[in-house]
Structures are given as structure tokens and as C-alpha cells.
Protein backbone atom coordinates (compact mmCIF):
# COMPACT_ATOMS: atom_id res chain seq x y z
CA MET A 1 104.79 87.02 79.35
CA THR A 2 104.36 88.17 82.75
CA GLN A 3 106.97 89.29 85.32
CA PRO A 4 107.24 88.06 88.73
CA ASN A 5 104.89 89.72 91.36
CA PRO A 6 106.70 92.41 92.82
CA THR A 7 104.47 92.78 95.65
CA HIS A 8 106.98 91.65 98.16
CA GLN A 9 108.96 94.57 97.30
CA LEU A 10 106.29 97.06 98.77
CA ASP A 11 106.99 98.90 101.84
CA HIS A 12 105.87 97.02 104.82
CA ILE A 13 105.95 96.67 108.75
CA THR A 14 105.06 93.88 111.13
CA LEU A 15 102.50 94.30 113.91
CA ARG A 16 101.88 91.40 116.17
CA GLY A 17 103.38 88.91 113.74
CA ILE A 18 101.16 90.54 110.69
CA ARG A 19 102.73 91.90 107.63
CA LEU A 20 101.02 95.15 106.77
CA HIS A 21 102.04 97.05 103.65
CA ALA A 22 102.80 100.87 103.97
CA VAL A 23 100.71 102.25 101.08
CA THR A 24 97.82 104.84 101.12
CA GLU A 25 94.43 104.20 99.79
CA THR A 26 95.79 105.95 96.35
CA GLY A 27 98.81 103.85 96.44
CA CYS A 28 96.85 100.67 96.64
CA VAL A 29 94.64 101.46 93.96
CA ASP A 30 97.76 102.38 91.58
CA HIS A 31 99.48 99.35 92.57
CA LEU A 32 96.48 97.11 91.44
CA LEU A 33 96.00 98.81 88.22
CA ASN A 34 99.50 98.47 87.62
CA GLU A 35 99.55 95.03 88.33
CA LEU A 36 96.53 94.56 86.08
CA ASP A 37 98.77 96.12 83.20
CA ALA A 38 101.54 93.84 83.86
CA GLY A 39 98.96 90.89 83.57
CA ARG A 40 99.24 89.89 87.07
CA GLY A 41 96.48 89.58 89.58
CA GLY A 42 96.35 88.79 93.20
CA TRP A 43 94.60 88.99 96.65
CA VAL A 44 93.92 91.96 98.79
CA ILE A 45 92.76 91.58 102.56
CA THR A 46 91.88 94.53 104.65
CA PRO A 47 92.57 93.37 108.26
CA ASN A 48 90.57 95.19 111.15
CA LEU A 49 91.09 94.97 114.85
CA ASP A 50 88.49 91.57 114.62
CA HIS A 51 90.82 90.30 112.24
CA MET A 52 94.20 90.82 114.22
CA ARG A 53 92.20 89.35 117.21
CA ARG A 54 91.15 86.20 115.35
CA VAL A 55 94.80 85.47 114.39
CA GLU A 56 95.48 84.62 118.07
CA THR A 57 93.27 81.24 117.75
CA ASP A 58 92.84 80.85 114.07
CA ARG A 59 95.93 79.46 112.38
CA GLU A 60 94.04 79.10 109.06
CA PHE A 61 93.28 82.98 109.06
CA LYS A 62 97.09 83.85 110.04
CA GLN A 63 98.03 81.58 106.96
CA MET A 64 95.73 83.38 104.53
CA LEU A 65 96.97 86.89 105.63
CA ASP A 66 100.23 85.51 104.96
CA GLU A 67 99.42 84.17 101.58
CA ALA A 68 97.56 87.38 100.48
CA ASP A 69 99.40 89.56 98.15
CA LEU A 70 98.43 92.90 99.60
CA VAL A 71 97.54 93.39 103.33
CA VAL A 72 96.44 97.05 104.17
CA ALA A 73 95.18 98.37 107.62
CA ASP A 74 91.50 98.75 107.62
CA GLY A 75 91.17 99.43 111.49
CA THR A 76 92.38 102.86 113.08
CA PRO A 77 93.60 101.07 116.17
CA LEU A 78 96.03 99.42 113.77
CA ILE A 79 97.37 102.64 112.64
CA TRP A 80 97.47 103.82 116.25
CA ALA A 81 99.42 100.69 117.12
CA SER A 82 101.76 101.14 114.21
CA ARG A 83 102.81 104.66 115.44
CA LEU A 84 103.26 103.26 119.16
CA GLN A 85 105.63 100.95 118.04
CA GLY A 86 107.57 103.28 116.01
CA THR A 87 106.71 101.97 112.52
CA PRO A 88 104.01 104.45 111.54
CA LEU A 89 101.74 103.21 108.52
CA PRO A 90 100.94 106.28 106.40
CA GLN A 91 97.24 105.94 106.19
CA ARG A 92 94.20 103.67 107.09
CA VAL A 93 93.04 102.06 103.94
CA ALA A 94 89.30 101.23 104.53
CA GLY A 95 87.83 98.32 102.49
CA SER A 96 84.40 100.33 102.45
CA SER A 97 86.33 103.24 100.98
CA LEU A 98 88.56 101.30 98.71
CA VAL A 99 85.50 99.76 96.87
CA TRP A 100 84.67 103.24 95.64
CA SER A 101 88.15 104.62 94.61
CA LEU A 102 89.30 101.18 92.80
CA ALA A 103 85.76 101.38 91.02
CA GLN A 104 86.59 104.81 89.89
CA ALA A 105 89.98 104.25 88.73
CA ALA A 106 88.67 100.92 87.07
CA ALA A 107 86.24 103.05 85.06
CA GLN A 108 88.98 105.37 84.06
CA LYS A 109 91.47 102.60 82.98
CA GLY A 110 88.90 100.42 81.18
CA ARG A 111 88.84 97.68 83.69
CA SER A 112 85.97 95.38 84.70
CA LEU A 113 84.50 94.45 87.77
CA TYR A 114 82.33 91.68 89.12
CA LEU A 115 80.40 91.77 92.44
CA LEU A 116 79.93 88.66 94.45
CA GLY A 117 77.93 88.09 97.61
CA GLY A 118 76.08 90.75 99.93
CA ASP A 119 72.87 90.31 101.16
CA PRO A 120 70.26 89.20 98.58
CA GLY A 121 69.64 92.08 95.92
CA ALA A 122 72.58 94.18 97.34
CA ALA A 123 75.08 93.12 94.52
CA ASP A 124 72.64 94.15 92.08
CA LYS A 125 71.78 97.42 93.82
CA ALA A 126 75.36 98.09 94.18
CA ALA A 127 76.13 97.72 90.53
CA GLU A 128 73.25 100.29 89.83
CA VAL A 129 74.61 102.82 92.29
CA LEU A 130 78.28 102.37 90.84
CA LYS A 131 77.44 102.64 87.18
CA LYS A 132 75.31 105.76 88.01
CA ARG A 133 78.36 107.28 89.68
CA TYR A 134 80.65 106.04 87.31
CA PRO A 135 79.10 105.70 83.81
CA ASP A 136 82.13 104.25 82.07
CA LEU A 137 82.39 101.39 84.76
CA GLN A 138 82.18 97.88 83.16
CA ILE A 139 80.54 95.68 85.61
CA VAL A 140 80.50 92.26 83.81
CA GLY A 141 78.41 90.52 86.26
CA THR A 142 76.95 90.07 89.84
CA ASP A 143 76.05 86.87 92.15
CA CYS A 144 74.45 86.29 95.37
CA PRO A 145 75.09 82.64 96.12
CA GLN A 146 72.69 81.02 98.57
CA VAL A 147 73.44 80.52 102.09
CA GLY A 148 75.38 77.55 102.79
CA PHE A 149 76.87 77.35 99.34
CA ASP A 150 80.28 77.17 100.55
CA LYS A 151 79.69 73.69 101.98
CA ASN A 152 78.41 72.25 98.38
CA PRO A 153 81.21 71.80 95.78
CA ALA A 154 78.84 71.78 92.95
CA GLN A 155 77.52 75.31 93.99
CA ILE A 156 81.09 76.61 94.47
CA GLU A 157 81.91 75.21 90.99
CA GLU A 158 78.74 76.76 89.46
CA LEU A 159 79.54 80.12 91.03
CA LEU A 160 83.03 80.01 89.76
CA GLN A 161 82.10 79.09 86.42
CA LYS A 162 79.84 82.39 86.34
CA VAL A 163 83.26 84.33 87.23
CA LEU A 164 84.87 82.54 84.47
CA ASP A 165 82.50 83.14 81.93
CA ALA A 166 82.45 86.77 82.87
CA ASN A 167 86.39 87.23 82.86
CA PRO A 168 86.42 90.22 84.98
CA ASP A 169 89.65 92.18 86.04
CA ILE A 170 88.50 92.88 89.51
CA VAL A 171 86.40 90.83 91.80
CA TYR A 172 84.62 92.30 95.14
CA VAL A 173 83.52 89.39 97.54
CA GLY A 174 81.28 90.45 100.14
CA LEU A 175 80.64 87.25 102.11
CA GLY A 176 81.84 88.46 105.62
CA SER A 177 85.15 87.26 107.10
CA PRO A 178 86.49 84.33 107.19
CA LYS A 179 84.03 83.16 104.64
CA GLN A 180 85.17 85.42 101.88
CA GLU A 181 88.75 84.95 102.37
CA ARG A 182 88.12 80.92 102.35
CA LEU A 183 86.46 81.01 99.16
CA ILE A 184 89.17 83.34 97.40
CA ARG A 185 91.81 81.18 98.59
CA GLN A 186 90.04 78.28 97.12
CA VAL A 187 88.97 79.58 93.60
CA ARG A 188 91.75 82.34 92.79
CA VAL A 189 94.28 79.96 91.21
CA ARG A 190 91.36 79.39 88.37
CA LEU A 191 91.70 83.02 87.44
CA PRO A 192 95.17 84.18 88.33
CA HIS A 193 95.12 87.35 86.29
CA VAL A 194 92.06 88.55 88.29
CA TRP A 195 92.38 90.80 91.59
CA TRP A 196 90.28 89.56 94.20
CA LEU A 197 89.05 91.76 97.28
CA GLY A 198 87.20 90.77 100.37
CA VAL A 199 84.90 93.53 101.20
CA GLY A 200 82.69 92.50 103.97
CA ILE A 201 79.62 94.51 104.27
CA SER A 202 80.76 97.15 101.59
CA LEU A 203 78.32 95.81 98.87
CA SER A 204 75.31 97.13 101.22
CA PHE A 205 76.99 99.98 101.91
CA ILE A 206 77.03 100.94 98.48
CA ALA A 207 73.64 100.01 97.75
CA GLY A 208 72.27 102.07 100.42
CA ASP A 209 71.07 99.08 102.56
CA VAL A 210 73.30 99.93 105.64
CA ARG A 211 74.62 103.38 106.33
CA ARG A 212 78.31 103.95 106.92
CA ALA A 213 79.32 106.38 110.08
CA PRO A 214 79.51 109.79 109.48
CA ARG A 215 83.26 110.84 108.25
CA TRP A 216 84.06 112.49 111.81
CA LEU A 217 83.28 109.16 113.45
CA GLN A 218 85.64 107.32 110.86
CA LYS A 219 88.49 109.98 111.57
CA LEU A 220 88.04 109.34 115.34
CA GLY A 221 88.16 105.67 114.94
CA LEU A 222 84.70 105.59 116.42
CA GLU A 223 83.01 103.88 113.39
CA TRP A 224 82.42 100.96 115.45
CA LEU A 225 80.09 102.65 117.62
CA HIS A 226 77.71 103.45 114.73
CA ARG A 227 77.75 99.73 113.45
CA LEU A 228 77.08 98.83 116.98
CA TYR A 229 74.07 101.18 117.29
CA GLN A 230 72.87 99.56 114.10
CA GLU A 231 73.24 95.90 114.64
CA PRO A 232 73.58 95.71 118.51
CA GLY A 233 72.44 91.99 118.81
CA ARG A 234 74.99 90.80 116.29
CA LEU A 235 77.91 93.06 117.26
CA ALA A 236 77.85 93.78 120.97
CA LYS A 237 79.79 90.59 121.85
CA ARG A 238 82.48 91.32 119.02
CA TYR A 239 82.97 94.95 119.77
CA LEU A 240 82.47 95.05 123.56
CA VAL A 241 83.40 91.65 125.03
CA HIS A 242 86.12 90.95 122.43
CA GLY A 243 87.21 94.07 120.80
CA LEU A 244 87.89 96.49 123.49
CA PRO A 245 89.95 94.48 125.58
CA PHE A 246 91.90 93.31 122.58
CA ALA A 247 92.47 96.86 121.47
CA ALA A 248 93.65 97.87 124.76
CA ARG A 249 96.32 94.79 124.56
CA LEU A 250 97.30 95.73 121.04
CA LEU A 251 97.99 99.36 121.87
CA LEU A 252 99.94 98.76 125.23
CA GLY A 253 101.93 96.01 123.45
CA ALA A 254 102.84 98.23 120.76
CA ALA A 255 103.89 100.87 122.90
CA LEU A 256 105.93 98.44 125.32
CA HIS A 257 107.65 96.05 122.83
CA LYS A 258 108.95 98.28 120.10
CA PRO A 259 110.94 96.42 117.26
CA LYS A 260 114.50 96.48 118.23
CA ASP A 261 115.64 96.89 114.58
CA THR A 262 114.27 99.26 111.92
CA PRO A 263 111.27 98.29 109.83
CA GLN A 264 111.99 95.73 106.99
CA THR A 265 111.60 98.64 104.62
CA LYS A 266 110.97 102.18 105.09
CA PRO A 267 107.12 103.11 105.09
CA GLY A 268 105.79 104.43 101.74
CA LYS A 269 105.17 107.79 101.48
CA PRO A 270 101.49 108.88 101.21
CA GLY A 271 99.94 108.84 97.86
């Protein structure tokens, strides 16, 4: 018999009404594997600046963040804001890094992985790369659903049946946000023992189809500049028109409106 999910006991803070768990990347990986050992699955969301902005106008997305079992800050501005409001998160937990560290730990623990989504061919290429780096990793399936599948109940059921037949421990869902969160919300009840992670473009990063920013840019919180350089037509409005003004509001608001009380729990120690 499984025990009640203890995720609510994890240290967390609140930033602009969003609960963020105060864990490091290592702590996140350890938690997921411990939960699998206990027979429990769940849902991870790694919100970035765009996600935080979307919450202001998208009530459904806010509900999904509230429902997720583990919510960790992907965007560096979220880390800065947590410090400015006096509730510092220990570390950025980027989904594009977590896909590697979790795969490595899964290989060591004999846990299986399913790759879902990405551009055509990206999941298969990512599987090859991960298997080459972590030979003991069990990748039990890949799938790249057709564009528009999420509007077709029959195609969603077909997709889910493939995952059910593969019976993985962990599923990476790379469909972009909020499509990946909507799908996870819809299907996770059918596989409650599985951990679901929305990983955005990370399958293409793993496959090598899209290059991630150099580490020094990541540390400076300027990874978005690298993405903008790669896809200016698609990302200019998101980053320049919406992202920068919202980042300024986020940081200013965090500095001026510090919580009157202490955080719900003390931030966790870096792992």
C-alpha cells in the first residue's frame, strides 16, 4: 500500500501567488526517485518568467500550477525575485538540465523513461543520445504525435495506450507550454504511479537540433538572449514586448512587497 504523497511537506515559498518548492536540482531528482520507490507518481512543472506572466491572464494555467506535485523555478529572474522578497530559493532548477540529471539517476536506479513530443525525430534522436551517455538507462518508448492531436480524443487515447503499454516510471513531455501541461493534466490519472515532466524544447536540446546557451550566459540569467538570436521571429514578442517589462514588475514588486510573515517553511538546504 502506498503512503500519502508527502510533497506538500517540502519546503516552499510563494512568489506572486505561485508556490515554488525550495529544492536544488539534486534535491528534486532525489525526491522523484524516492517517491517512485514508495510507489507514488506525480507531476513536475518548471515555471519560467513567461509562465509567471501567463498566470496573470490564464486562470487554467494557474490551476495547473496549483495542482502540480512539484513546482521548481526554472527562470533566473524567479531566483532573483525570491531573494529580493527575502525568501531565497536555493537554486535554479532548469528543466533543460533536469532532463539530464534525472535520466542519469534513473539509469543508476534501474528506472525507465518514455520520451513524448518534440519536433519530428527529436524524441528518437534524444533517446539515442541518452542511451549513449547512460548505457544502463531503460528508454521504453518514444512518440511524436501529429500536430493537432490534442484536439482529437481518439488520437489522445492512442497516444496514452502507447504509454500504458510501455509502462514507464518517468515521462518527458516536450510539447511546449501550455499544451504539455494540459495533456499531462488530462492523462496522468490513468498512470498515477508515473512521474510526468513537461520539458518544452529540451528534447531538441538533447538531440542536438537546437543548441542551448553557453553556461556563462545561463549563470548571468541571459539564456533568453541566445534563444532570441536563434529564433527571433518566434520569440521577439515574448521576450522583448512581454518578458522584459514583466521581469521589471516582478523584481520591483518582490523588492517593495516583502511578505509580512516568514515563509511557510524554511527554504531547503542546497543538495
